[in-house]
Structure formats: structure tokens, C-alpha cells
Amino acid sequence: MRMLRDKGVFRAKQREQGMDVMDNDAAQKSRARQEANPDPTTGGIAADRLRSIVERIERLEEEKKALSNDIKDIFGEAKASGFDVKALRALIVLRKKEPAEIEEQESLLDLYKRALGM
């Protein structure tokens, strides 16, 4: 348990210092090793197709990270303008729901509040 916690602390420190959790050198060495293998199939798996899928997923993960940073920046802008970020997040969640679902949730919340004397 302690070892897992220490590993998490180590990764958090790496992120704070701007380091990727996965070593880029190791990734580049792995890619070079993969490209050096001329066999297009290994164990019945089409290596080129698999590599294509993995690279597409990696690109999308990078885009997702960039979008996440953009959203974080917008929430920072909203906070600087005096808006309550927690309320904005709740509003976004509500806008994704159907009106009937929102009404049902609010009714249930009112019922629970009355049961607790609130």
C-alpha cells in the first residue's frame, strides 16, 4: 500500500515539474524497435493495423488533453470574472439532462429535504 502511495506521489511530482509520466526516450526506443521489425504479422496480428490504431488513440489522447486544458482555462476566466465555477459546472450538468429528468431529480431532492426537516 505504501509503495503505491509513494509511486503516486512520485508521479505527481513529475507532473508538477512538467515531466511526462512515461519517459519519452523509452517511447522513442520502443517505436524504433517496432519499426525495425519487418514482419507485418506477429502471432496472427496485423502489426501495421494495430500500430495505426494505437497511434490514432495516442493522437486523440493528446487532443483530449489539449481540450481539457482549454476548458480549465475557460473556467479560470469565468472565476476571474466573478462567476461561481461550482455553480457553472452544475448548470452544465443540468443542461445535458432532459427536462423530465431534472424535474424528477428536483422533486426527489425536495422530498428528502422535507423528510430531514430542512
PDB file of N, CA and C in Angstrom:
ATOM      1  N   MET A   1       0.828  -1.192   0.000  1.00  0.00           N
ATOM      2  CA  MET A   1       0.000   0.000   0.000  1.00  0.00           C
ATOM      3  C   MET A   1       0.873   1.256   0.000  1.00  0.00           C
ATOM      4  N   ARG A   2       1.888   1.248   0.864  1.00  0.00           N
ATOM      5  CA  ARG A   2       2.779   2.402   0.953  1.00  0.00           C
ATOM      6  C   ARG A   2       3.519   2.620  -0.363  1.00  0.00           C
ATOM      7  N   MET A   3       3.908   1.507  -1.003  1.00  0.00           N
ATOM      8  CA  MET A   3       4.638   1.616  -2.249  1.00  0.00           C
ATOM      9  C   MET A   3       3.759   2.257  -3.330  1.00  0.00           C
ATOM     10  N   LEU A   4       2.485   1.909  -3.383  1.00  0.00           N
ATOM     11  CA  LEU A   4       1.585   2.512  -4.349  1.00  0.00           C
ATOM     12  C   LEU A   4       1.415   3.995  -4.086  1.00  0.00           C
ATOM     13  N   ARG A   5       1.312   4.351  -2.801  1.00  0.00           N
ATOM     14  CA  ARG A   5       1.163   5.754  -2.440  1.00  0.00           C
ATOM     15  C   ARG A   5       2.416   6.525  -2.833  1.00  0.00           C
ATOM     16  N   ASP A   6       3.603   5.949  -2.569  1.00  0.00           N
ATOM     17  CA  ASP A   6       4.862   6.601  -2.927  1.00  0.00           C
ATOM     18  C   ASP A   6       4.978   6.782  -4.431  1.00  0.00           C
ATOM     19  N   LYS A   7       4.533   5.783  -5.185  1.00  0.00           N
ATOM     20  CA  LYS A   7       4.580   5.861  -6.632  1.00  0.00           C
ATOM     21  C   LYS A   7       3.669   6.989  -7.125  1.00  0.00           C
ATOM     22  N   GLY A   8       2.491   7.119  -6.504  1.00  0.00           N
ATOM     23  CA  GLY A   8       1.578   8.196  -6.868  1.00  0.00           C
ATOM     24  C   GLY A   8       2.162   9.558  -6.554  1.00  0.00           C
ATOM     25  N   VAL A   9       2.850   9.674  -5.427  1.00  0.00           N
ATOM     26  CA  VAL A   9       3.496  10.934  -5.045  1.00  0.00           C
ATOM     27  C   VAL A   9       4.599  11.256  -6.048  1.00  0.00           C
ATOM     28  N   PHE A  10       5.357  10.228  -6.439  1.00  0.00           N
ATOM     29  CA  PHE A  10       6.433  10.427  -7.395  1.00  0.00           C
ATOM     30  C   PHE A  10       5.881  10.929  -8.724  1.00  0.00           C
ATOM     31  N   ARG A  11       4.787  10.311  -9.199  1.00  0.00           N
ATOM     32  CA  ARG A  11       4.182  10.738 -10.464  1.00  0.00           C
ATOM     33  C   ARG A  11       3.621  12.144 -10.359  1.00  0.00           C
ATOM     34  N   ALA A  12       3.037  12.473  -9.208  1.00  0.00           N
ATOM     35  CA  ALA A  12       2.504  13.825  -9.012  1.00  0.00           C
ATOM     36  C   ALA A  12       3.636  14.846  -9.071  1.00  0.00           C
ATOM     37  N   LYS A  13       4.782  14.512  -8.465  1.00  0.00           N
ATOM     38  CA  LYS A  13       5.934  15.415  -8.504  1.00  0.00           C
ATOM     39  C   LYS A  13       6.451  15.567  -9.926  1.00  0.00           C
ATOM     40  N   GLN A  14       6.424  14.465 -10.703  1.00  0.00           N
ATOM     41  CA  GLN A  14       6.845  14.543 -12.096  1.00  0.00           C
ATOM     42  C   GLN A  14       5.933  15.492 -12.867  1.00  0.00           C
ATOM     43  N   ARG A  15       4.631  15.389 -12.638  1.00  0.00           N
ATOM     44  CA  ARG A  15       3.685  16.264 -13.336  1.00  0.00           C
ATOM     45  C   ARG A  15       3.909  17.715 -12.960  1.00  0.00           C
ATOM     46  N   GLU A  16       4.176  17.982 -11.675  1.00  0.00           N
ATOM     47  CA  GLU A  16       4.422  19.348 -11.218  1.00  0.00           C
ATOM     48  C   GLU A  16       5.639  19.946 -11.904  1.00  0.00           C
ATOM     49  N   GLN A  17       6.631  19.109 -12.168  1.00  0.00           N
ATOM     50  CA  GLN A  17       7.868  19.576 -12.789  1.00  0.00           C
ATOM     51  C   GLN A  17       7.753  19.613 -14.302  1.00  0.00           C
ATOM     52  N   GLY A  18       6.555  19.279 -14.825  1.00  0.00           N
ATOM     53  CA  GLY A  18       6.340  19.329 -16.258  1.00  0.00           C
ATOM     54  C   GLY A  18       6.845  18.109 -16.990  1.00  0.00           C
ATOM     55  N   MET A  19       7.117  17.053 -16.267  1.00  0.00           N
ATOM     56  CA  MET A  19       7.613  15.837 -16.895  1.00  0.00           C
ATOM     57  C   MET A  19       6.445  14.909 -17.184  1.00  0.00           C
ATOM     58  N   ASP A  20       6.509  14.222 -18.329  1.00  0.00           N
ATOM     59  CA  ASP A  20       5.507  13.211 -18.621  1.00  0.00           C
ATOM     60  C   ASP A  20       5.755  12.012 -17.745  1.00  0.00           C
ATOM     61  N   VAL A  21       4.681  11.314 -17.383  1.00  0.00           N
ATOM     62  CA  VAL A  21       4.810  10.126 -16.556  1.00  0.00           C
ATOM     63  C   VAL A  21       5.589   9.062 -17.321  1.00  0.00           C
ATOM     64  N   MET A  22       5.318   8.931 -18.608  1.00  0.00           N
ATOM     65  CA  MET A  22       6.052   7.966 -19.418  1.00  0.00           C
ATOM     66  C   MET A  22       7.257   8.658 -20.017  1.00  0.00           C
ATOM     67  N   ASP A  23       8.411   8.068 -19.899  1.00  0.00           N
ATOM     68  CA  ASP A  23       9.647   8.633 -20.408  1.00  0.00           C
ATOM     69  C   ASP A  23       9.608   8.663 -21.931  1.00  0.00           C
ATOM     70  N   ASN A  24       9.810   9.846 -22.525  1.00  0.00           N
ATOM     71  CA  ASN A  24       9.769   9.966 -23.979  1.00  0.00           C
ATOM     72  C   ASN A  24      10.866   9.162 -24.650  1.00  0.00           C
ATOM     73  N   ASP A  25      12.035   9.085 -24.036  1.00  0.00           N
ATOM     74  CA  ASP A  25      13.120   8.294 -24.613  1.00  0.00           C
ATOM     75  C   ASP A  25      12.723   6.827 -24.725  1.00  0.00           C
ATOM     76  N   ALA A  26      12.093   6.310 -23.700  1.00  0.00           N
ATOM     77  CA  ALA A  26      11.659   4.915 -23.719  1.00  0.00           C
ATOM     78  C   ALA A  26      10.626   4.698 -24.818  1.00  0.00           C
ATOM     79  N   ALA A  27       9.728   5.659 -25.010  1.00  0.00           N
ATOM     80  CA  ALA A  27       8.711   5.542 -26.057  1.00  0.00           C
ATOM     81  C   ALA A  27       9.355   5.568 -27.436  1.00  0.00           C
ATOM     82  N   GLN A  28      10.333   6.442 -27.608  1.00  0.00           N
ATOM     83  CA  GLN A  28      11.014   6.516 -28.898  1.00  0.00           C
ATOM     84  C   GLN A  28      11.801   5.246 -29.184  1.00  0.00           C
ATOM     85  N   LYS A  29      12.445   4.685 -28.172  1.00  0.00           N
ATOM     86  CA  LYS A  29      13.183   3.430 -28.346  1.00  0.00           C
ATOM     87  C   LYS A  29      12.232   2.304 -28.708  1.00  0.00           C
ATOM     88  N   SER A  30      11.073   2.287 -28.081  1.00  0.00           N
ATOM     89  CA  SER A  30      10.086   1.264 -28.360  1.00  0.00           C
ATOM     90  C   SER A  30       9.594   1.371 -29.804  1.00  0.00           C
ATOM     91  N   ARG A  31       9.333   2.607 -30.261  1.00  0.00           N
ATOM     92  CA  ARG A  31       8.880   2.803 -31.638  1.00  0.00           C
ATOM     93  C   ARG A  31       9.951   2.382 -32.637  1.00  0.00           C
ATOM     94  N   ALA A  32      11.209   2.720 -32.338  1.00  0.00           N
ATOM     95  CA  ALA A  32      12.304   2.333 -33.231  1.00  0.00           C
ATOM     96  C   ALA A  32      12.422   0.820 -33.314  1.00  0.00           C
ATOM     97  N   ARG A  33      12.273   0.157 -32.189  1.00  0.00           N
ATOM     98  CA  ARG A  33      12.324  -1.306 -32.147  1.00  0.00           C
ATOM     99  C   ARG A  33      11.178  -1.897 -32.965  1.00  0.00           C
ATOM    100  N   GLN A  34      10.004  -1.286 -32.880  1.00  0.00           N
ATOM    101  CA  GLN A  34       8.845  -1.768 -33.626  1.00  0.00           C
ATOM    102  C   GLN A  34       9.031  -1.571 -35.124  1.00  0.00           C
ATOM    103  N   GLU A  35       9.602  -0.423 -35.509  1.00  0.00           N
ATOM    104  CA  GLU A  35       9.813  -0.150 -36.926  1.00  0.00           C
ATOM    105  C   GLU A  35      10.901  -1.030 -37.519  1.00  0.00           C
ATOM    106  N   ALA A  36      11.849  -1.458 -36.694  1.00  0.00           N
ATOM    107  CA  ALA A  36      12.940  -2.305 -37.163  1.00  0.00           C
ATOM    108  C   ALA A  36      12.467  -3.716 -37.464  1.00  0.00           C
ATOM    109  N   ASN A  37      11.340  -4.129 -36.904  1.00  0.00           N
ATOM    110  CA  ASN A  37      10.806  -5.467 -37.122  1.00  0.00           C
ATOM    111  C   ASN A  37      10.048  -5.484 -38.449  1.00  0.00           C
ATOM    112  N   PRO A  38      10.600  -6.141 -39.479  1.00  0.00           N
ATOM    113  CA  PRO A  38       9.960  -6.114 -40.791  1.00  0.00           C
ATOM    114  C   PRO A  38       8.753  -7.048 -40.910  1.00  0.00           C
ATOM    115  N   ASP A  39       8.549  -7.943 -39.950  1.00  0.00           N
ATOM    116  CA  ASP A  39       7.461  -8.920 -40.017  1.00  0.00           C
ATOM    117  C   ASP A  39       6.120  -8.203 -39.845  1.00  0.00           C
ATOM    118  N   PRO A  40       5.254  -8.182 -40.890  1.00  0.00           N
ATOM    119  CA  PRO A  40       3.989  -7.452 -40.792  1.00  0.00           C
ATOM    120  C   PRO A  40       2.966  -8.126 -39.884  1.00  0.00           C
ATOM    121  N   THR A  41       3.136  -9.412 -39.611  1.00  0.00           N
ATOM    122  CA  THR A  41       2.216 -10.086 -38.701  1.00  0.00           C
ATOM    123  C   THR A  41       3.011 -10.810 -37.637  1.00  0.00           C
ATOM    124  N   THR A  42       2.513 -10.749 -36.431  1.00  0.00           N
ATOM    125  CA  THR A  42       3.131 -11.440 -35.314  1.00  0.00           C
ATOM    126  C   THR A  42       2.025 -12.149 -34.572  1.00  0.00           C
ATOM    127  N   GLY A  43       2.110 -13.443 -34.525  1.00  0.00           N
ATOM    128  CA  GLY A  43       1.077 -14.211 -33.827  1.00  0.00           C
ATOM    129  C   GLY A  43      -0.293 -14.047 -34.444  1.00  0.00           C
ATOM    130  N   GLY A  44      -0.353 -13.824 -35.758  1.00  0.00           N
ATOM    131  CA  GLY A  44      -1.645 -13.682 -36.424  1.00  0.00           C
ATOM    132  C   GLY A  44      -2.235 -12.293 -36.328  1.00  0.00           C
ATOM    133  N   ILE A  45      -1.488 -11.334 -35.775  1.00  0.00           N
ATOM    134  CA  ILE A  45      -1.982  -9.966 -35.625  1.00  0.00           C
ATOM    135  C   ILE A  45      -1.341  -9.105 -36.702  1.00  0.00           C
ATOM    136  N   ALA A  46      -2.135  -8.331 -37.397  1.00  0.00           N
ATOM    137  CA  ALA A  46      -1.611  -7.404 -38.402  1.00  0.00           C
ATOM    138  C   ALA A  46      -0.978  -6.233 -37.665  1.00  0.00           C
ATOM    139  N   ALA A  47       0.357  -6.245 -37.592  1.00  0.00           N
ATOM    140  CA  ALA A  47       1.086  -5.251 -36.805  1.00  0.00           C
ATOM    141  C   ALA A  47       0.859  -3.837 -37.312  1.00  0.00           C
ATOM    142  N   ASP A  48       0.806  -3.653 -38.630  1.00  0.00           N
ATOM    143  CA  ASP A  48       0.603  -2.309 -39.180  1.00  0.00           C
ATOM    144  C   ASP A  48      -0.758  -1.751 -38.784  1.00  0.00           C
ATOM    145  N   ARG A  49      -1.771  -2.588 -38.853  1.00  0.00           N
ATOM    146  CA  ARG A  49      -3.122  -2.148 -38.471  1.00  0.00           C
ATOM    147  C   ARG A  49      -3.177  -1.811 -36.995  1.00  0.00           C
ATOM    148  N   LEU A  50      -2.573  -2.663 -36.169  1.00  0.00           N
ATOM    149  CA  LEU A  50      -2.541  -2.428 -34.727  1.00  0.00           C
ATOM    150  C   LEU A  50      -1.804  -1.143 -34.405  1.00  0.00           C
ATOM    151  N   ARG A  51      -0.662  -0.929 -35.071  1.00  0.00           N
ATOM    152  CA  ARG A  51       0.133   0.286 -34.842  1.00  0.00           C
ATOM    153  C   ARG A  51      -0.679   1.518 -35.231  1.00  0.00           C
ATOM    154  N   SER A  52      -1.407   1.426 -36.349  1.00  0.00           N
ATOM    155  CA  SER A  52      -2.239   2.536 -36.797  1.00  0.00           C
ATOM    156  C   SER A  52      -3.303   2.882 -35.759  1.00  0.00           C
ATOM    157  N   ILE A  53      -3.942   1.855 -35.222  1.00  0.00           N
ATOM    158  CA  ILE A  53      -4.984   2.077 -34.209  1.00  0.00           C
ATOM    159  C   ILE A  53      -4.393   2.713 -32.959  1.00  0.00           C
ATOM    160  N   VAL A  54      -3.270   2.186 -32.501  1.00  0.00           N
ATOM    161  CA  VAL A  54      -2.633   2.724 -31.290  1.00  0.00           C
ATOM    162  C   VAL A  54      -2.219   4.172 -31.508  1.00  0.00           C
ATOM    163  N   GLU A  55      -1.650   4.490 -32.666  1.00  0.00           N
ATOM    164  CA  GLU A  55      -1.215   5.864 -32.935  1.00  0.00           C
ATOM    165  C   GLU A  55      -2.405   6.816 -33.016  1.00  0.00           C
ATOM    166  N   ARG A  56      -3.518   6.365 -33.585  1.00  0.00           N
ATOM    167  CA  ARG A  56      -4.725   7.196 -33.623  1.00  0.00           C
ATOM    168  C   ARG A  56      -5.236   7.479 -32.220  1.00  0.00           C
ATOM    169  N   ILE A  57      -5.230   6.452 -31.373  1.00  0.00           N
ATOM    170  CA  ILE A  57      -5.668   6.641 -29.985  1.00  0.00           C
ATOM    171  C   ILE A  57      -4.740   7.609 -29.275  1.00  0.00           C
ATOM    172  N   GLU A  58      -3.443   7.484 -29.485  1.00  0.00           N
ATOM    173  CA  GLU A  58      -2.477   8.398 -28.851  1.00  0.00           C
ATOM    174  C   GLU A  58      -2.725   9.839 -29.292  1.00  0.00           C
ATOM    175  N   ARG A  59      -2.990  10.040 -30.597  1.00  0.00           N
ATOM    176  CA  ARG A  59      -3.281  11.393 -31.083  1.00  0.00           C
ATOM    177  C   ARG A  59      -4.540  11.955 -30.438  1.00  0.00           C
ATOM    178  N   LEU A  60      -5.566  11.116 -30.338  1.00  0.00           N
ATOM    179  CA  LEU A  60      -6.811  11.578 -29.720  1.00  0.00           C
ATOM    180  C   LEU A  60      -6.622  11.886 -28.239  1.00  0.00           C
ATOM    181  N   GLU A  61      -5.795  11.098 -27.558  1.00  0.00           N
ATOM    182  CA  GLU A  61      -5.492  11.374 -26.142  1.00  0.00           C
ATOM    183  C   GLU A  61      -4.815  12.736 -26.001  1.00  0.00           C
ATOM    184  N   GLU A  62      -3.907  13.060 -26.930  1.00  0.00           N
ATOM    185  CA  GLU A  62      -3.242  14.367 -26.902  1.00  0.00           C
ATOM    186  C   GLU A  62      -4.260  15.484 -27.121  1.00  0.00           C
ATOM    187  N   GLU A  63      -5.166  15.280 -28.091  1.00  0.00           N
ATOM    188  CA  GLU A  63      -6.205  16.278 -28.350  1.00  0.00           C
ATOM    189  C   GLU A  63      -7.120  16.438 -27.145  1.00  0.00           C
ATOM    190  N   LYS A  64      -7.454  15.310 -26.502  1.00  0.00           N
ATOM    191  CA  LYS A  64      -8.319  15.350 -25.318  1.00  0.00           C
ATOM    192  C   LYS A  64      -7.646  16.149 -24.199  1.00  0.00           C
ATOM    193  N   LYS A  65      -6.345  15.955 -24.047  1.00  0.00           N
ATOM    194  CA  LYS A  65      -5.607  16.691 -23.022  1.00  0.00           C
ATOM    195  C   LYS A  65      -5.619  18.187 -23.331  1.00  0.00           C
ATOM    196  N   ALA A  66      -5.437  18.540 -24.608  1.00  0.00           N
ATOM    197  CA  ALA A  66      -5.460  19.948 -25.003  1.00  0.00           C
ATOM    198  C   ALA A  66      -6.835  20.556 -24.754  1.00  0.00           C
ATOM    199  N   LEU A  67      -7.897  19.823 -25.103  1.00  0.00           N
ATOM    200  CA  LEU A  67      -9.255  20.316 -24.861  1.00  0.00           C
ATOM    201  C   LEU A  67      -9.531  20.485 -23.370  1.00  0.00           C
ATOM    202  N   SER A  68      -9.046  19.543 -22.588  1.00  0.00           N
ATOM    203  CA  SER A  68      -9.222  19.620 -21.139  1.00  0.00           C
ATOM    204  C   SER A  68      -8.547  20.880 -20.591  1.00  0.00           C
ATOM    205  N   ASN A  69      -7.361  21.181 -21.105  1.00  0.00           N
ATOM    206  CA  ASN A  69      -6.661  22.399 -20.679  1.00  0.00           C
ATOM    207  C   ASN A  69      -7.422  23.643 -21.108  1.00  0.00           C
ATOM    208  N   ASP A  70      -8.017  23.622 -22.308  1.00  0.00           N
ATOM    209  CA  ASP A  70      -8.810  24.760 -22.776  1.00  0.00           C
ATOM    210  C   ASP A  70     -10.024  24.987 -21.879  1.00  0.00           C
ATOM    211  N   ILE A  71     -10.696  23.905 -21.510  1.00  0.00           N
ATOM    212  CA  ILE A  71     -11.865  24.014 -20.624  1.00  0.00           C
ATOM    213  C   ILE A  71     -11.442  24.564 -19.267  1.00  0.00           C
ATOM    214  N   LYS A  72     -10.313  24.092 -18.768  1.00  0.00           N
ATOM    215  CA  LYS A  72      -9.791  24.579 -17.490  1.00  0.00           C
ATOM    216  C   LYS A  72      -9.523  26.086 -17.568  1.00  0.00           C
ATOM    217  N   ASP A  73      -8.960  26.530 -18.689  1.00  0.00           N
ATOM    218  CA  ASP A  73      -8.695  27.962 -18.879  1.00  0.00           C
ATOM    219  C   ASP A  73      -9.990  28.772 -18.892  1.00  0.00           C
ATOM    220  N   ILE A  74     -11.024  28.244 -19.528  1.00  0.00           N
ATOM    221  CA  ILE A  74     -12.309  28.953 -19.588  1.00  0.00           C
ATOM    222  C   ILE A  74     -12.921  29.062 -18.195  1.00  0.00           C
ATOM    223  N   PHE A  75     -12.831  27.983 -17.405  1.00  0.00           N
ATOM    224  CA  PHE A  75     -13.339  28.066 -16.034  1.00  0.00           C
ATOM    225  C   PHE A  75     -12.531  29.080 -15.224  1.00  0.00           C
ATOM    226  N   GLY A  76     -11.233  29.156 -15.482  1.00  0.00           N
ATOM    227  CA  GLY A  76     -10.408  30.177 -14.812  1.00  0.00           C
ATOM    228  C   GLY A  76     -10.835  31.574 -15.198  1.00  0.00           C
ATOM    229  N   GLU A  77     -11.149  31.760 -16.460  1.00  0.00           N
ATOM    230  CA  GLU A  77     -11.639  33.054 -16.948  1.00  0.00           C
ATOM    231  C   GLU A  77     -12.966  33.408 -16.292  1.00  0.00           C
ATOM    232  N   ALA A  78     -13.850  32.416 -16.177  1.00  0.00           N
ATOM    233  CA  ALA A  78     -15.150  32.645 -15.549  1.00  0.00           C
ATOM    234  C   ALA A  78     -14.973  33.037 -14.083  1.00  0.00           C
ATOM    235  N   LYS A  79     -14.059  32.359 -13.402  1.00  0.00           N
ATOM    236  CA  LYS A  79     -13.802  32.664 -11.994  1.00  0.00           C
ATOM    237  C   LYS A  79     -13.249  34.076 -11.847  1.00  0.00           C
ATOM    238  N   ALA A  80     -12.349  34.455 -12.765  1.00  0.00           N
ATOM    239  CA  ALA A  80     -11.780  35.803 -12.725  1.00  0.00           C
ATOM    240  C   ALA A  80     -12.848  36.865 -12.980  1.00  0.00           C
ATOM    241  N   SER A  81     -13.895  36.500 -13.714  1.00  0.00           N
ATOM    242  CA  SER A  81     -14.993  37.433 -13.996  1.00  0.00           C
ATOM    243  C   SER A  81     -16.021  37.472 -12.870  1.00  0.00           C
ATOM    244  N   GLY A  82     -15.818  36.652 -11.836  1.00  0.00           N
ATOM    245  CA  GLY A  82     -16.706  36.685 -10.685  1.00  0.00           C
ATOM    246  C   GLY A  82     -17.775  35.609 -10.660  1.00  0.00           C
ATOM    247  N   PHE A  83     -17.740  34.683 -11.608  1.00  0.00           N
ATOM    248  CA  PHE A  83     -18.716  33.607 -11.626  1.00  0.00           C
ATOM    249  C   PHE A  83     -18.284  32.477 -10.696  1.00  0.00           C
ATOM    250  N   ASP A  84     -19.276  31.802 -10.127  1.00  0.00           N
ATOM    251  CA  ASP A  84     -19.016  30.662  -9.254  1.00  0.00           C
ATOM    252  C   ASP A  84     -18.831  29.429 -10.142  1.00  0.00           C
ATOM    253  N   VAL A  85     -17.621  28.873 -10.141  1.00  0.00           N
ATOM    254  CA  VAL A  85     -17.277  27.754 -11.021  1.00  0.00           C
ATOM    255  C   VAL A  85     -18.088  26.509 -10.672  1.00  0.00           C
ATOM    256  N   LYS A  86     -18.313  26.271  -9.388  1.00  0.00           N
ATOM    257  CA  LYS A  86     -19.092  25.105  -8.974  1.00  0.00           C
ATOM    258  C   LYS A  86     -20.514  25.197  -9.511  1.00  0.00           C
ATOM    259  N   ALA A  87     -21.093  26.380  -9.460  1.00  0.00           N
ATOM    260  CA  ALA A  87     -22.447  26.585  -9.983  1.00  0.00           C
ATOM    261  C   ALA A  87     -22.464  26.422 -11.504  1.00  0.00           C
ATOM    262  N   LEU A  88     -21.412  26.892 -12.184  1.00  0.00           N
ATOM    263  CA  LEU A  88     -21.331  26.725 -13.633  1.00  0.00           C
ATOM    264  C   LEU A  88     -21.271  25.245 -14.023  1.00  0.00           C
ATOM    265  N   ARG A  89     -20.487  24.469 -13.276  1.00  0.00           N
ATOM    266  CA  ARG A  89     -20.390  23.032 -13.559  1.00  0.00           C
ATOM    267  C   ARG A  89     -21.751  22.355 -13.364  1.00  0.00           C
ATOM    268  N   ALA A  90     -22.466  22.741 -12.302  1.00  0.00           N
ATOM    269  CA  ALA A  90     -23.799  22.180 -12.043  1.00  0.00           C
ATOM    270  C   ALA A  90     -24.769  22.566 -13.160  1.00  0.00           C
ATOM    271  N   LEU A  91     -24.661  23.784 -13.633  1.00  0.00           N
ATOM    272  CA  LEU A  91     -25.511  24.259 -14.721  1.00  0.00           C
ATOM    273  C   LEU A  91     -25.255  23.464 -16.005  1.00  0.00           C
ATOM    274  N   ILE A  92     -24.003  23.186 -16.293  1.00  0.00           N
ATOM    275  CA  ILE A  92     -23.648  22.407 -17.485  1.00  0.00           C
ATOM    276  C   ILE A  92     -24.207  20.998 -17.387  1.00  0.00           C
ATOM    277  N   VAL A  93     -24.133  20.396 -16.195  1.00  0.00           N
ATOM    278  CA  VAL A  93     -24.698  19.052 -15.985  1.00  0.00           C
ATOM    279  C   VAL A  93     -26.201  19.091 -16.210  1.00  0.00           C
ATOM    280  N   LEU A  94     -26.873  20.113 -15.698  1.00  0.00           N
ATOM    281  CA  LEU A  94     -28.329  20.224 -15.857  1.00  0.00           C
ATOM    282  C   LEU A  94     -28.729  20.398 -17.319  1.00  0.00           C
ATOM    283  N   ARG A  95     -27.954  21.167 -18.074  1.00  0.00           N
ATOM    284  CA  ARG A  95     -28.284  21.407 -19.485  1.00  0.00           C
ATOM    285  C   ARG A  95     -28.187  20.137 -20.320  1.00  0.00           C
ATOM    286  N   LYS A  96     -27.416  19.161 -19.850  1.00  0.00           N
ATOM    287  CA  LYS A  96     -27.275  17.897 -20.579  1.00  0.00           C
ATOM    288  C   LYS A  96     -28.466  16.970 -20.348  1.00  0.00           C
ATOM    289  N   LYS A  97     -29.256  17.234 -19.307  1.00  0.00           N
ATOM    290  CA  LYS A  97     -30.365  16.351 -18.935  1.00  0.00           C
ATOM    291  C   LYS A  97     -31.666  16.790 -19.600  1.00  0.00           C
ATOM    292  N   GLU A  98     -32.567  15.840 -19.706  1.00  0.00           N
ATOM    293  CA  GLU A  98     -33.909  16.122 -20.220  1.00  0.00           C
ATOM    294  C   GLU A  98     -34.710  16.853 -19.128  1.00  0.00           C
ATOM    295  N   PRO A  99     -35.660  17.729 -19.516  1.00  0.00           N
ATOM    296  CA  PRO A  99     -36.456  18.456 -18.524  1.00  0.00           C
ATOM    297  C   PRO A  99     -37.191  17.533 -17.541  1.00  0.00           C
ATOM    298  N   ALA A 100     -37.707  16.420 -18.006  1.00  0.00           N
ATOM    299  CA  ALA A 100     -38.422  15.491 -17.120  1.00  0.00           C
ATOM    300  C   ALA A 100     -37.479  14.892 -16.086  1.00  0.00           C
ATOM    301  N   GLU A 101     -36.268  14.617 -16.492  1.00  0.00           N
ATOM    302  CA  GLU A 101     -35.275  14.058 -15.567  1.00  0.00           C
ATOM    303  C   GLU A 101     -34.898  15.086 -14.501  1.00  0.00           C
ATOM    304  N   ILE A 102     -34.766  16.338 -14.919  1.00  0.00           N
ATOM    305  CA  ILE A 102     -34.442  17.410 -13.969  1.00  0.00           C
ATOM    306  C   ILE A 102     -35.579  17.570 -12.961  1.00  0.00           C
ATOM    307  N   GLU A 103     -36.813  17.580 -13.452  1.00  0.00           N
ATOM    308  CA  GLU A 103     -37.977  17.733 -12.575  1.00  0.00           C
ATOM    309  C   GLU A 103     -38.059  16.585 -11.570  1.00  0.00           C
ATOM    310  N   GLU A 104     -37.818  15.365 -12.039  1.00  0.00           N
ATOM    311  CA  GLU A 104     -37.856  14.205 -11.152  1.00  0.00           C
ATOM    312  C   GLU A 104     -36.776  14.307 -10.074  1.00  0.00           C
ATOM    313  N   GLN A 105     -35.586  14.730 -10.466  1.00  0.00           N
ATOM    314  CA  GLN A 105     -34.483  14.858  -9.515  1.00  0.00           C
ATOM    315  C   GLN A 105     -34.774  15.944  -8.478  1.00  0.00           C
ATOM    316  N   GLU A 106     -35.336  17.068  -8.929  1.00  0.00           N
ATOM    317  CA  GLU A 106     -35.660  18.152  -8.004  1.00  0.00           C
ATOM    318  C   GLU A 106     -36.775  17.744  -7.046  1.00  0.00           C
ATOM    319  N   SER A 107     -37.766  17.008  -7.531  1.00  0.00           N
ATOM    320  CA  SER A 107     -38.858  16.531  -6.673  1.00  0.00           C
ATOM    321  C   SER A 107     -38.333  15.600  -5.593  1.00  0.00           C
ATOM    322  N   LEU A 108     -37.457  14.712  -5.991  1.00  0.00           N
ATOM    323  CA  LEU A 108     -36.863  13.775  -5.043  1.00  0.00           C
ATOM    324  C   LEU A 108     -36.009  14.512  -4.008  1.00  0.00           C
ATOM    325  N   LEU A 109     -35.280  15.513  -4.455  1.00  0.00           N
ATOM    326  CA  LEU A 109     -34.466  16.310  -3.533  1.00  0.00           C
ATOM    327  C   LEU A 109     -35.368  17.048  -2.537  1.00  0.00           C
ATOM    328  N   ASP A 110     -36.465  17.635  -3.020  1.00  0.00           N
ATOM    329  CA  ASP A 110     -37.413  18.317  -2.129  1.00  0.00           C
ATOM    330  C   ASP A 110     -38.005  17.350  -1.103  1.00  0.00           C
ATOM    331  N   LEU A 111     -38.358  16.156  -1.553  1.00  0.00           N
ATOM    332  CA  LEU A 111     -38.896  15.140  -0.660  1.00  0.00           C
ATOM    333  C   LEU A 111     -37.895  14.795   0.445  1.00  0.00           C
ATOM    334  N   TYR A 112     -36.643  14.592   0.063  1.00  0.00           N
ATOM    335  CA  TYR A 112     -35.600  14.255   1.047  1.00  0.00           C
ATOM    336  C   TYR A 112     -35.373  15.425   2.008  1.00  0.00           C
ATOM    337  N   LYS A 113     -35.393  16.635   1.512  1.00  0.00           N
ATOM    338  CA  LYS A 113     -35.203  17.797   2.380  1.00  0.00           C
ATOM    339  C   LYS A 113     -36.328  17.913   3.395  1.00  0.00           C
ATOM    340  N   ARG A 114     -37.573  17.694   2.936  1.00  0.00           N
ATOM    341  CA  ARG A 114     -38.699  17.749   3.862  1.00  0.00           C
ATOM    342  C   ARG A 114     -38.619  16.647   4.913  1.00  0.00           C
ATOM    343  N   ALA A 115     -38.159  15.469   4.511  1.00  0.00           N
ATOM    344  CA  ALA A 115     -38.026  14.356   5.437  1.00  0.00           C
ATOM    345  C   ALA A 115     -36.997  14.660   6.510  1.00  0.00           C
ATOM    346  N   LEU A 116     -36.007  15.466   6.185  1.00  0.00           N
ATOM    347  CA  LEU A 116     -34.970  15.834   7.142  1.00  0.00           C
ATOM    348  C   LEU A 116     -35.285  17.136   7.878  1.00  0.00           C
ATOM    349  N   GLY A 117     -36.437  17.740   7.544  1.00  0.00           N
ATOM    350  CA  GLY A 117     -36.838  18.979   8.213  1.00  0.00           C
ATOM    351  C   GLY A 117     -36.047  20.178   7.744  1.00  0.00           C
ATOM    352  N   MET A 118     -35.626  20.155   6.539  1.00  0.00           N
ATOM    353  CA  MET A 118     -34.829  21.273   6.005  1.00  0.00           C
ATOM    354  C   MET A 118     -35.703  22.256   5.262  1.00  0.00           C
TER     355      MET A 118
END
